[in-house]
Amino acid sequence: MIIYIHGFSGSGEGSKARAFRKYFKNKGDNFIVPSLSYIPDLAIKTLEELIESYDGDVELIGSSLGGFYTLYLADKYKLKAVLINPSIYPYITLDKLLGNAPSFYDDSSFTWMESHLEMLKKYETKVQSQSDFMLLVQKGDELLDYEEAVNKLPDARVIAEEDGNHGFEGIERHFTEVRMFFGL
């Protein structure tokens, strides 16, 4: 089972999630993209329950804040994982979004609070087995510093592309390589 973990204000219906879903479903792989709560503790609890309920191999793909969650979960459960422009310090980068934050699914909003930043700090992890990680970053990411991810995972399989953006332009070019990394 491959679980895709979306980023802040995202959902299981984001463009990357839909593209990955289509690719893996066409290959006959078990794939799920849960739409997670914006509250970090609830999001992690949902993901832990999904991982623990599946009887078989689990791999993770995480983007942005989902990359941060993926670091924690992959390390905790000893899973292979792919990180796409991951947020390494979301309790710092998401500080500027305190207050009303938009949902990218339907343009509604929710209240992002200081207590949510504190929750994120609990999931900071020192990765034990970096060879279990593939890191995909684009240096043109306008929201996050790609070097933070590269510095956090220097021994991971790293693909660092020039230019690009936070959404990771052309992610489809890497689908086959991601699948091979998972041994599928």
N, C-alpha and C. Protein backbone atom coordinates (compact mmCIF):
# COMPACT_ATOMS: atom_id res chain seq x y z
N MET A 1 0.85 -1.18 0.00
CA MET A 1 0.00 0.00 0.00
C MET A 1 0.88 1.23 0.00
N ILE A 2 0.60 2.13 -0.90
CA ILE A 2 1.29 3.42 -0.95
C ILE A 2 0.34 4.47 -0.42
N ILE A 3 0.79 5.25 0.55
CA ILE A 3 -0.02 6.33 1.10
C ILE A 3 0.64 7.65 0.71
N TYR A 4 -0.13 8.50 0.04
CA TYR A 4 0.33 9.84 -0.32
C TYR A 4 -0.18 10.81 0.74
N ILE A 5 0.72 11.64 1.27
CA ILE A 5 0.39 12.57 2.34
C ILE A 5 0.54 14.00 1.81
N HIS A 6 -0.60 14.67 1.69
CA HIS A 6 -0.63 16.02 1.12
C HIS A 6 -0.09 17.07 2.08
N GLY A 7 0.09 18.26 1.57
CA GLY A 7 0.64 19.35 2.35
C GLY A 7 -0.39 20.20 3.05
N PHE A 8 0.09 21.27 3.65
CA PHE A 8 -0.72 22.22 4.42
C PHE A 8 -1.84 22.78 3.55
N SER A 9 -3.03 22.78 4.08
CA SER A 9 -4.24 23.30 3.41
C SER A 9 -4.65 22.48 2.20
N GLY A 10 -4.01 21.34 2.00
CA GLY A 10 -4.31 20.52 0.84
C GLY A 10 -5.38 19.48 1.12
N SER A 11 -5.52 18.58 0.17
CA SER A 11 -6.48 17.48 0.29
C SER A 11 -6.03 16.33 -0.60
N GLY A 12 -6.77 15.26 -0.54
CA GLY A 12 -6.50 14.12 -1.39
C GLY A 12 -6.89 14.36 -2.84
N GLU A 13 -7.37 15.56 -3.14
CA GLU A 13 -7.77 15.90 -4.50
C GLU A 13 -6.87 16.96 -5.14
N GLY A 14 -5.71 17.19 -4.56
CA GLY A 14 -4.75 18.12 -5.16
C GLY A 14 -4.19 17.55 -6.46
N SER A 15 -3.56 18.39 -7.26
CA SER A 15 -3.09 17.96 -8.59
C SER A 15 -2.03 16.85 -8.51
N LYS A 16 -1.06 16.95 -7.59
CA LYS A 16 -0.05 15.90 -7.47
C LYS A 16 -0.69 14.60 -6.99
N ALA A 17 -1.58 14.71 -6.02
CA ALA A 17 -2.26 13.53 -5.49
C ALA A 17 -3.04 12.81 -6.59
N ARG A 18 -3.76 13.57 -7.40
CA ARG A 18 -4.54 12.97 -8.50
C ARG A 18 -3.62 12.32 -9.52
N ALA A 19 -2.50 12.96 -9.83
CA ALA A 19 -1.56 12.41 -10.82
C ALA A 19 -0.93 11.11 -10.31
N PHE A 20 -0.49 11.10 -9.06
CA PHE A 20 0.06 9.88 -8.48
C PHE A 20 -1.00 8.78 -8.44
N ARG A 21 -2.21 9.13 -8.01
CA ARG A 21 -3.30 8.15 -7.91
C ARG A 21 -3.52 7.48 -9.26
N LYS A 22 -3.62 8.27 -10.30
CA LYS A 22 -3.87 7.73 -11.64
C LYS A 22 -2.73 6.80 -12.06
N TYR A 23 -1.49 7.23 -11.85
CA TYR A 23 -0.33 6.43 -12.23
C TYR A 23 -0.32 5.09 -11.50
N PHE A 24 -0.39 5.11 -10.18
CA PHE A 24 -0.28 3.88 -9.41
C PHE A 24 -1.49 2.96 -9.62
N LYS A 25 -2.67 3.51 -9.75
CA LYS A 25 -3.85 2.69 -10.02
C LYS A 25 -3.71 2.00 -11.38
N ASN A 26 -3.19 2.73 -12.38
CA ASN A 26 -2.97 2.13 -13.71
C ASN A 26 -1.95 1.01 -13.66
N LYS A 27 -1.04 1.05 -12.71
CA LYS A 27 -0.03 -0.01 -12.54
C LYS A 27 -0.57 -1.17 -11.68
N GLY A 28 -1.76 -1.00 -11.14
CA GLY A 28 -2.35 -2.05 -10.30
C GLY A 28 -1.87 -2.05 -8.87
N ASP A 29 -1.25 -0.95 -8.43
CA ASP A 29 -0.74 -0.85 -7.06
C ASP A 29 -1.82 -0.32 -6.12
N ASN A 30 -1.81 -0.80 -4.88
CA ASN A 30 -2.70 -0.25 -3.85
C ASN A 30 -2.20 1.14 -3.49
N PHE A 31 -3.09 2.11 -3.58
CA PHE A 31 -2.70 3.51 -3.39
C PHE A 31 -3.87 4.25 -2.75
N ILE A 32 -3.55 5.09 -1.77
CA ILE A 32 -4.58 5.87 -1.10
C ILE A 32 -4.05 7.27 -0.81
N VAL A 33 -4.96 8.25 -0.90
CA VAL A 33 -4.63 9.63 -0.56
C VAL A 33 -5.71 10.15 0.39
N PRO A 34 -5.50 10.00 1.69
CA PRO A 34 -6.51 10.51 2.63
C PRO A 34 -6.47 12.04 2.69
N SER A 35 -7.64 12.63 2.81
CA SER A 35 -7.72 14.07 3.07
C SER A 35 -7.63 14.24 4.59
N LEU A 36 -6.57 14.89 5.01
CA LEU A 36 -6.24 14.94 6.44
C LEU A 36 -6.70 16.23 7.11
N SER A 37 -6.90 16.15 8.40
CA SER A 37 -7.22 17.32 9.21
C SER A 37 -6.05 18.30 9.17
N TYR A 38 -6.37 19.57 9.30
CA TYR A 38 -5.31 20.58 9.40
C TYR A 38 -4.67 20.56 10.79
N ILE A 39 -5.28 19.89 11.74
CA ILE A 39 -4.74 19.80 13.10
C ILE A 39 -3.69 18.69 13.12
N PRO A 40 -2.43 19.02 13.36
CA PRO A 40 -1.35 18.03 13.25
C PRO A 40 -1.58 16.73 14.01
N ASP A 41 -2.00 16.80 15.29
CA ASP A 41 -2.20 15.57 16.05
C ASP A 41 -3.25 14.66 15.41
N LEU A 42 -4.31 15.24 14.87
CA LEU A 42 -5.35 14.44 14.23
C LEU A 42 -4.86 13.84 12.92
N ALA A 43 -4.09 14.60 12.16
CA ALA A 43 -3.54 14.09 10.91
C ALA A 43 -2.61 12.90 11.18
N ILE A 44 -1.73 13.04 12.14
CA ILE A 44 -0.80 11.96 12.48
C ILE A 44 -1.57 10.74 12.98
N LYS A 45 -2.55 10.95 13.82
CA LYS A 45 -3.35 9.83 14.35
C LYS A 45 -4.02 9.06 13.20
N THR A 46 -4.61 9.77 12.26
CA THR A 46 -5.25 9.14 11.10
C THR A 46 -4.24 8.31 10.32
N LEU A 47 -3.07 8.88 10.07
CA LEU A 47 -2.03 8.18 9.30
C LEU A 47 -1.50 6.96 10.05
N GLU A 48 -1.30 7.09 11.35
CA GLU A 48 -0.85 5.95 12.15
C GLU A 48 -1.87 4.81 12.08
N GLU A 49 -3.15 5.15 12.18
CA GLU A 49 -4.19 4.11 12.12
C GLU A 49 -4.21 3.44 10.75
N LEU A 50 -4.03 4.21 9.68
CA LEU A 50 -3.98 3.62 8.35
C LEU A 50 -2.81 2.65 8.22
N ILE A 51 -1.63 3.11 8.64
CA ILE A 51 -0.43 2.27 8.55
C ILE A 51 -0.60 1.00 9.36
N GLU A 52 -1.09 1.13 10.59
CA GLU A 52 -1.21 -0.02 11.49
C GLU A 52 -2.32 -0.98 11.05
N SER A 53 -3.29 -0.49 10.30
CA SER A 53 -4.41 -1.36 9.90
C SER A 53 -4.12 -2.16 8.64
N TYR A 54 -3.06 -1.79 7.92
CA TYR A 54 -2.78 -2.48 6.66
C TYR A 54 -1.88 -3.68 6.91
N ASP A 55 -2.30 -4.83 6.42
CA ASP A 55 -1.52 -6.05 6.59
C ASP A 55 -0.68 -6.27 5.33
N GLY A 56 0.50 -5.73 5.32
CA GLY A 56 1.38 -5.81 4.17
C GLY A 56 2.35 -4.65 4.17
N ASP A 57 3.15 -4.56 3.12
CA ASP A 57 4.13 -3.48 3.02
C ASP A 57 3.43 -2.14 2.81
N VAL A 58 3.95 -1.11 3.44
CA VAL A 58 3.46 0.25 3.29
C VAL A 58 4.62 1.13 2.89
N GLU A 59 4.40 1.97 1.89
CA GLU A 59 5.35 2.99 1.48
C GLU A 59 4.65 4.33 1.56
N LEU A 60 5.43 5.39 1.77
CA LEU A 60 4.86 6.72 1.92
C LEU A 60 5.43 7.69 0.89
N ILE A 61 4.57 8.59 0.43
CA ILE A 61 4.99 9.73 -0.38
C ILE A 61 4.42 10.96 0.31
N GLY A 62 5.28 11.93 0.62
CA GLY A 62 4.82 13.13 1.31
C GLY A 62 5.31 14.38 0.62
N SER A 63 4.42 15.35 0.51
CA SER A 63 4.75 16.62 -0.12
C SER A 63 4.59 17.77 0.88
N SER A 64 5.59 18.63 0.95
CA SER A 64 5.57 19.82 1.79
C SER A 64 5.35 19.42 3.26
N LEU A 65 4.28 19.89 3.90
CA LEU A 65 4.02 19.49 5.28
C LEU A 65 3.83 17.97 5.35
N GLY A 66 3.26 17.39 4.31
CA GLY A 66 3.14 15.93 4.23
C GLY A 66 4.50 15.26 4.24
N GLY A 67 5.53 15.94 3.75
CA GLY A 67 6.89 15.43 3.81
C GLY A 67 7.40 15.38 5.25
N PHE A 68 7.05 16.38 6.03
CA PHE A 68 7.42 16.40 7.44
C PHE A 68 6.76 15.23 8.17
N TYR A 69 5.46 15.06 7.93
CA TYR A 69 4.74 13.93 8.53
C TYR A 69 5.36 12.61 8.08
N THR A 70 5.73 12.53 6.81
CA THR A 70 6.31 11.32 6.25
C THR A 70 7.64 10.99 6.92
N LEU A 71 8.47 11.99 7.17
CA LEU A 71 9.74 11.76 7.88
C LEU A 71 9.48 11.08 9.22
N TYR A 72 8.56 11.63 9.97
CA TYR A 72 8.23 11.08 11.29
C TYR A 72 7.71 9.65 11.18
N LEU A 73 6.72 9.45 10.31
CA LEU A 73 6.06 8.13 10.21
C LEU A 73 6.98 7.07 9.62
N ALA A 74 7.74 7.42 8.60
CA ALA A 74 8.65 6.44 7.99
C ALA A 74 9.72 6.01 8.98
N ASP A 75 10.21 6.95 9.76
CA ASP A 75 11.21 6.62 10.77
C ASP A 75 10.59 5.76 11.87
N LYS A 76 9.41 6.12 12.33
CA LYS A 76 8.73 5.38 13.41
C LYS A 76 8.43 3.94 13.00
N TYR A 77 7.93 3.76 11.77
CA TYR A 77 7.49 2.43 11.33
C TYR A 77 8.51 1.72 10.43
N LYS A 78 9.67 2.34 10.22
CA LYS A 78 10.73 1.76 9.37
C LYS A 78 10.21 1.48 7.95
N LEU A 79 9.69 2.53 7.31
CA LEU A 79 9.10 2.43 5.98
C LEU A 79 9.95 3.15 4.95
N LYS A 80 9.85 2.73 3.70
CA LYS A 80 10.47 3.47 2.60
C LYS A 80 9.58 4.67 2.29
N ALA A 81 10.22 5.79 1.92
CA ALA A 81 9.45 7.01 1.71
C ALA A 81 10.09 7.91 0.67
N VAL A 82 9.22 8.63 -0.03
CA VAL A 82 9.63 9.65 -0.99
C VAL A 82 9.12 10.99 -0.48
N LEU A 83 10.01 11.97 -0.44
CA LEU A 83 9.67 13.31 0.02
C LEU A 83 9.76 14.27 -1.15
N ILE A 84 8.73 15.08 -1.35
CA ILE A 84 8.68 16.04 -2.45
C ILE A 84 8.66 17.44 -1.86
N ASN A 85 9.72 18.21 -2.11
CA ASN A 85 9.84 19.56 -1.53
C ASN A 85 9.31 19.58 -0.09
N PRO A 86 9.90 18.76 0.79
CA PRO A 86 9.35 18.64 2.14
C PRO A 86 9.64 19.84 3.02
N SER A 87 8.71 20.09 3.92
CA SER A 87 8.92 21.09 4.96
C SER A 87 9.70 20.40 6.07
N ILE A 88 10.85 20.92 6.39
CA ILE A 88 11.69 20.33 7.43
C ILE A 88 11.42 20.97 8.78
N TYR A 89 11.08 22.25 8.78
CA TYR A 89 10.79 22.99 10.02
C TYR A 89 9.45 23.70 9.90
N PRO A 90 8.34 22.97 9.78
CA PRO A 90 7.05 23.61 9.55
C PRO A 90 6.58 24.49 10.71
N TYR A 91 7.06 24.19 11.91
CA TYR A 91 6.69 25.01 13.05
C TYR A 91 7.32 26.40 12.95
N ILE A 92 8.27 26.57 12.05
CA ILE A 92 8.86 27.89 11.77
C ILE A 92 8.21 28.49 10.52
N THR A 93 8.18 27.71 9.43
CA THR A 93 7.68 28.26 8.16
C THR A 93 6.19 28.54 8.18
N LEU A 94 5.42 27.80 8.98
CA LEU A 94 3.97 28.02 9.02
C LEU A 94 3.56 29.05 10.06
N ASP A 95 4.54 29.60 10.78
CA ASP A 95 4.27 30.65 11.76
C ASP A 95 3.63 31.87 11.11
N LYS A 96 4.05 32.17 9.90
CA LYS A 96 3.54 33.38 9.22
C LYS A 96 2.09 33.23 8.76
N LEU A 97 1.53 32.02 8.88
CA LEU A 97 0.15 31.78 8.45
C LEU A 97 -0.84 31.71 9.61
N LEU A 98 -0.38 32.10 10.82
CA LEU A 98 -1.29 32.10 11.96
C LEU A 98 -2.52 32.95 11.66
N GLY A 99 -3.67 32.47 12.10
CA GLY A 99 -4.94 33.15 11.82
C GLY A 99 -5.73 32.37 10.80
N ASN A 100 -6.50 33.08 10.00
CA ASN A 100 -7.31 32.41 8.97
C ASN A 100 -6.42 31.93 7.83
N ALA A 101 -6.53 30.64 7.54
CA ALA A 101 -5.76 30.03 6.46
C ALA A 101 -6.74 29.43 5.46
N PRO A 102 -6.42 29.50 4.17
CA PRO A 102 -7.35 28.99 3.15
C PRO A 102 -7.22 27.49 2.94
N SER A 103 -8.34 26.85 2.66
CA SER A 103 -8.31 25.47 2.20
C SER A 103 -8.24 25.51 0.68
N PHE A 104 -7.26 24.79 0.10
CA PHE A 104 -7.11 24.81 -1.35
C PHE A 104 -8.16 23.97 -2.05
N TYR A 105 -8.90 23.17 -1.29
CA TYR A 105 -9.93 22.32 -1.90
C TYR A 105 -11.16 23.11 -2.31
N ASP A 106 -11.66 23.94 -1.40
CA ASP A 106 -12.92 24.64 -1.70
C ASP A 106 -12.92 26.12 -1.33
N ASP A 107 -11.77 26.69 -1.09
CA ASP A 107 -11.64 28.10 -0.75
C ASP A 107 -12.31 28.47 0.57
N SER A 108 -12.64 27.49 1.39
CA SER A 108 -13.08 27.80 2.74
C SER A 108 -11.84 28.16 3.55
N SER A 109 -12.01 28.42 4.82
CA SER A 109 -10.84 28.74 5.64
C SER A 109 -10.95 28.04 7.00
N PHE A 110 -9.83 27.99 7.67
CA PHE A 110 -9.77 27.43 9.01
C PHE A 110 -8.82 28.30 9.81
N THR A 111 -8.84 28.13 11.12
CA THR A 111 -7.98 28.93 11.99
C THR A 111 -6.73 28.14 12.34
N TRP A 112 -5.58 28.63 11.90
CA TRP A 112 -4.28 28.04 12.18
C TRP A 112 -3.73 28.74 13.41
N MET A 113 -3.44 27.96 14.48
CA MET A 113 -3.11 28.55 15.77
C MET A 113 -1.71 28.18 16.24
N GLU A 114 -1.25 28.94 17.20
CA GLU A 114 0.04 28.69 17.84
C GLU A 114 0.10 27.26 18.40
N SER A 115 -1.01 26.78 18.93
CA SER A 115 -1.03 25.42 19.49
C SER A 115 -0.75 24.37 18.41
N HIS A 116 -1.11 24.65 17.16
CA HIS A 116 -0.82 23.73 16.06
C HIS A 116 0.69 23.70 15.78
N LEU A 117 1.34 24.85 15.89
CA LEU A 117 2.79 24.89 15.71
C LEU A 117 3.48 24.06 16.81
N GLU A 118 2.97 24.17 18.02
CA GLU A 118 3.54 23.40 19.14
C GLU A 118 3.35 21.91 18.90
N MET A 119 2.20 21.51 18.35
CA MET A 119 1.98 20.10 18.04
C MET A 119 3.03 19.59 17.07
N LEU A 120 3.34 20.39 16.06
CA LEU A 120 4.30 19.96 15.04
C LEU A 120 5.66 19.64 15.64
N LYS A 121 6.06 20.38 16.65
CA LYS A 121 7.38 20.17 17.26
C LYS A 121 7.54 18.76 17.82
N LYS A 122 6.44 18.13 18.22
CA LYS A 122 6.49 16.78 18.78
C LYS A 122 6.92 15.74 17.74
N TYR A 123 6.77 16.08 16.47
CA TYR A 123 7.02 15.09 15.42
C TYR A 123 8.37 15.29 14.72
N GLU A 124 9.18 16.17 15.28
CA GLU A 124 10.56 16.35 14.79
C GLU A 124 11.30 15.03 15.01
N THR A 125 12.03 14.59 14.01
CA THR A 125 12.72 13.31 14.14
C THR A 125 14.11 13.38 13.54
N LYS A 126 14.98 12.56 14.12
CA LYS A 126 16.31 12.35 13.54
C LYS A 126 16.22 11.04 12.79
N VAL A 127 16.33 11.10 11.50
CA VAL A 127 16.13 9.92 10.67
C VAL A 127 17.26 8.92 10.89
N GLN A 128 16.89 7.67 11.19
CA GLN A 128 17.86 6.63 11.47
C GLN A 128 18.42 6.00 10.20
N SER A 129 17.55 5.68 9.25
CA SER A 129 17.98 4.96 8.05
C SER A 129 17.69 5.79 6.80
N GLN A 130 18.62 6.67 6.46
CA GLN A 130 18.40 7.59 5.34
C GLN A 130 18.32 6.88 3.99
N SER A 131 18.84 5.68 3.90
CA SER A 131 18.77 4.95 2.63
C SER A 131 17.33 4.55 2.29
N ASP A 132 16.43 4.65 3.25
CA ASP A 132 15.02 4.35 3.01
C ASP A 132 14.27 5.55 2.44
N PHE A 133 14.99 6.66 2.17
CA PHE A 133 14.34 7.87 1.70
C PHE A 133 14.84 8.29 0.32
N MET A 134 13.89 8.75 -0.49
CA MET A 134 14.20 9.43 -1.75
C MET A 134 13.70 10.86 -1.58
N LEU A 135 14.54 11.80 -1.91
CA LEU A 135 14.23 13.21 -1.77
C LEU A 135 14.18 13.87 -3.14
N LEU A 136 13.03 14.44 -3.47
CA LEU A 136 12.85 15.18 -4.72
C LEU A 136 12.65 16.65 -4.38
N VAL A 137 13.59 17.49 -4.79
CA VAL A 137 13.48 18.92 -4.52
C VAL A 137 13.75 19.72 -5.79
N GLN A 138 13.10 20.86 -5.85
CA GLN A 138 13.38 21.81 -6.92
C GLN A 138 13.91 23.08 -6.27
N LYS A 139 15.05 23.55 -6.77
CA LYS A 139 15.74 24.69 -6.18
C LYS A 139 14.96 25.99 -6.32
N GLY A 140 13.98 26.03 -7.23
CA GLY A 140 13.17 27.22 -7.40
C GLY A 140 11.96 27.27 -6.47
N ASP A 141 11.90 26.37 -5.49
CA ASP A 141 10.80 26.35 -4.52
C ASP A 141 10.70 27.73 -3.87
N GLU A 142 9.57 28.38 -4.08
CA GLU A 142 9.37 29.74 -3.59
C GLU A 142 8.94 29.79 -2.12
N LEU A 143 8.60 28.65 -1.53
CA LEU A 143 8.11 28.63 -0.15
C LEU A 143 9.11 28.06 0.85
N LEU A 144 9.90 27.09 0.41
CA LEU A 144 10.81 26.41 1.32
C LEU A 144 12.23 26.39 0.75
N ASP A 145 13.20 26.38 1.64
CA ASP A 145 14.61 26.30 1.26
C ASP A 145 14.97 24.83 1.05
N TYR A 146 15.20 24.44 -0.20
CA TYR A 146 15.48 23.05 -0.53
C TYR A 146 16.72 22.52 0.23
N GLU A 147 17.66 23.42 0.54
CA GLU A 147 18.89 23.00 1.21
C GLU A 147 18.62 22.43 2.60
N GLU A 148 17.54 22.87 3.26
CA GLU A 148 17.21 22.31 4.58
C GLU A 148 16.94 20.81 4.46
N ALA A 149 16.22 20.42 3.41
CA ALA A 149 15.93 19.00 3.20
C ALA A 149 17.19 18.22 2.84
N VAL A 150 17.99 18.77 1.96
CA VAL A 150 19.23 18.10 1.55
C VAL A 150 20.17 17.95 2.74
N ASN A 151 20.24 18.98 3.59
CA ASN A 151 21.10 18.90 4.77
C ASN A 151 20.56 17.91 5.81
N LYS A 152 19.26 17.77 5.90
CA LYS A 152 18.65 16.83 6.85
C LYS A 152 18.86 15.38 6.41
N LEU A 153 18.89 15.16 5.09
CA LEU A 153 18.99 13.80 4.54
C LEU A 153 20.15 13.67 3.54
N PRO A 154 21.38 13.94 3.96
CA PRO A 154 22.49 13.91 3.02
C PRO A 154 22.78 12.53 2.44
N ASP A 155 22.35 11.47 3.13
CA ASP A 155 22.62 10.11 2.67
C ASP A 155 21.41 9.46 2.00
N ALA A 156 20.36 10.24 1.77
CA ALA A 156 19.19 9.72 1.05
C ALA A 156 19.47 9.73 -0.45
N ARG A 157 18.60 9.12 -1.21
CA ARG A 157 18.65 9.22 -2.69
C ARG A 157 18.09 10.60 -3.02
N VAL A 158 18.94 11.54 -3.43
CA VAL A 158 18.54 12.93 -3.64
C VAL A 158 18.51 13.27 -5.12
N ILE A 159 17.39 13.84 -5.54
CA ILE A 159 17.27 14.43 -6.87
C ILE A 159 16.95 15.90 -6.66
N ALA A 160 17.90 16.75 -6.98
CA ALA A 160 17.73 18.20 -6.81
C ALA A 160 17.77 18.84 -8.19
N GLU A 161 16.65 19.38 -8.61
CA GLU A 161 16.53 20.00 -9.93
C GLU A 161 16.65 21.51 -9.85
N GLU A 162 17.25 22.08 -10.87
CA GLU A 162 17.32 23.53 -10.96
C GLU A 162 15.91 24.08 -11.20
N ASP A 163 15.71 25.33 -10.85
CA ASP A 163 14.44 26.04 -11.11
C ASP A 163 13.27 25.32 -10.45
N GLY A 164 12.14 25.22 -11.14
CA GLY A 164 10.95 24.58 -10.59
C GLY A 164 10.21 25.47 -9.62
N ASN A 165 9.36 24.84 -8.80
CA ASN A 165 8.58 25.58 -7.82
C ASN A 165 8.15 24.65 -6.68
N HIS A 166 7.40 25.19 -5.73
CA HIS A 166 7.00 24.40 -4.57
C HIS A 166 6.10 23.23 -4.97
N GLY A 167 5.30 23.40 -5.98
CA GLY A 167 4.43 22.33 -6.44
C GLY A 167 5.16 21.20 -7.16
N PHE A 168 6.41 21.38 -7.44
CA PHE A 168 7.30 20.47 -8.15
C PHE A 168 6.81 20.25 -9.59
N GLU A 169 7.22 21.17 -10.44
CA GLU A 169 6.87 21.10 -11.86
C GLU A 169 7.33 19.79 -12.48
N GLY A 170 6.46 19.16 -13.24
CA GLY A 170 6.82 17.96 -13.98
C GLY A 170 7.07 16.73 -13.12
N ILE A 171 6.38 16.62 -12.01
CA ILE A 171 6.59 15.47 -11.11
C ILE A 171 6.40 14.15 -11.84
N GLU A 172 5.56 14.13 -12.86
CA GLU A 172 5.26 12.90 -13.60
C GLU A 172 6.52 12.26 -14.18
N ARG A 173 7.55 13.06 -14.46
CA ARG A 173 8.81 12.53 -14.99
C ARG A 173 9.48 11.55 -14.04
N HIS A 174 9.11 11.59 -12.77
CA HIS A 174 9.77 10.77 -11.75
C HIS A 174 8.92 9.60 -11.26
N PHE A 175 7.73 9.42 -11.81
CA PHE A 175 6.84 8.37 -11.32
C PHE A 175 7.48 6.98 -11.41
N THR A 176 8.07 6.67 -12.54
CA THR A 176 8.67 5.34 -12.72
C THR A 176 9.81 5.13 -11.73
N GLU A 177 10.63 6.15 -11.54
CA GLU A 177 11.75 6.05 -10.59
C GLU A 177 11.25 5.87 -9.16
N VAL A 178 10.17 6.58 -8.80
CA VAL A 178 9.57 6.42 -7.46
C VAL A 178 9.10 4.98 -7.27
N ARG A 179 8.41 4.48 -8.27
CA ARG A 179 7.89 3.10 -8.19
C ARG A 179 9.04 2.09 -8.05
N MET A 180 10.11 2.31 -8.80
CA MET A 180 11.28 1.42 -8.71
C MET A 180 11.95 1.53 -7.34
N PHE A 181 12.00 2.74 -6.79
CA PHE A 181 12.57 2.94 -5.46
C PHE A 181 11.82 2.11 -4.41
N PHE A 182 10.51 2.00 -4.60
CA PHE A 182 9.68 1.19 -3.70
C PHE A 182 9.80 -0.31 -3.99
N GLY A 183 10.50 -0.66 -5.07
CA GLY A 183 10.66 -2.07 -5.41
C GLY A 183 9.43 -2.68 -6.05
N LEU A 184 8.64 -1.85 -6.70
CA LEU A 184 7.41 -2.33 -7.36
C LEU A 184 7.61 -2.55 -8.84
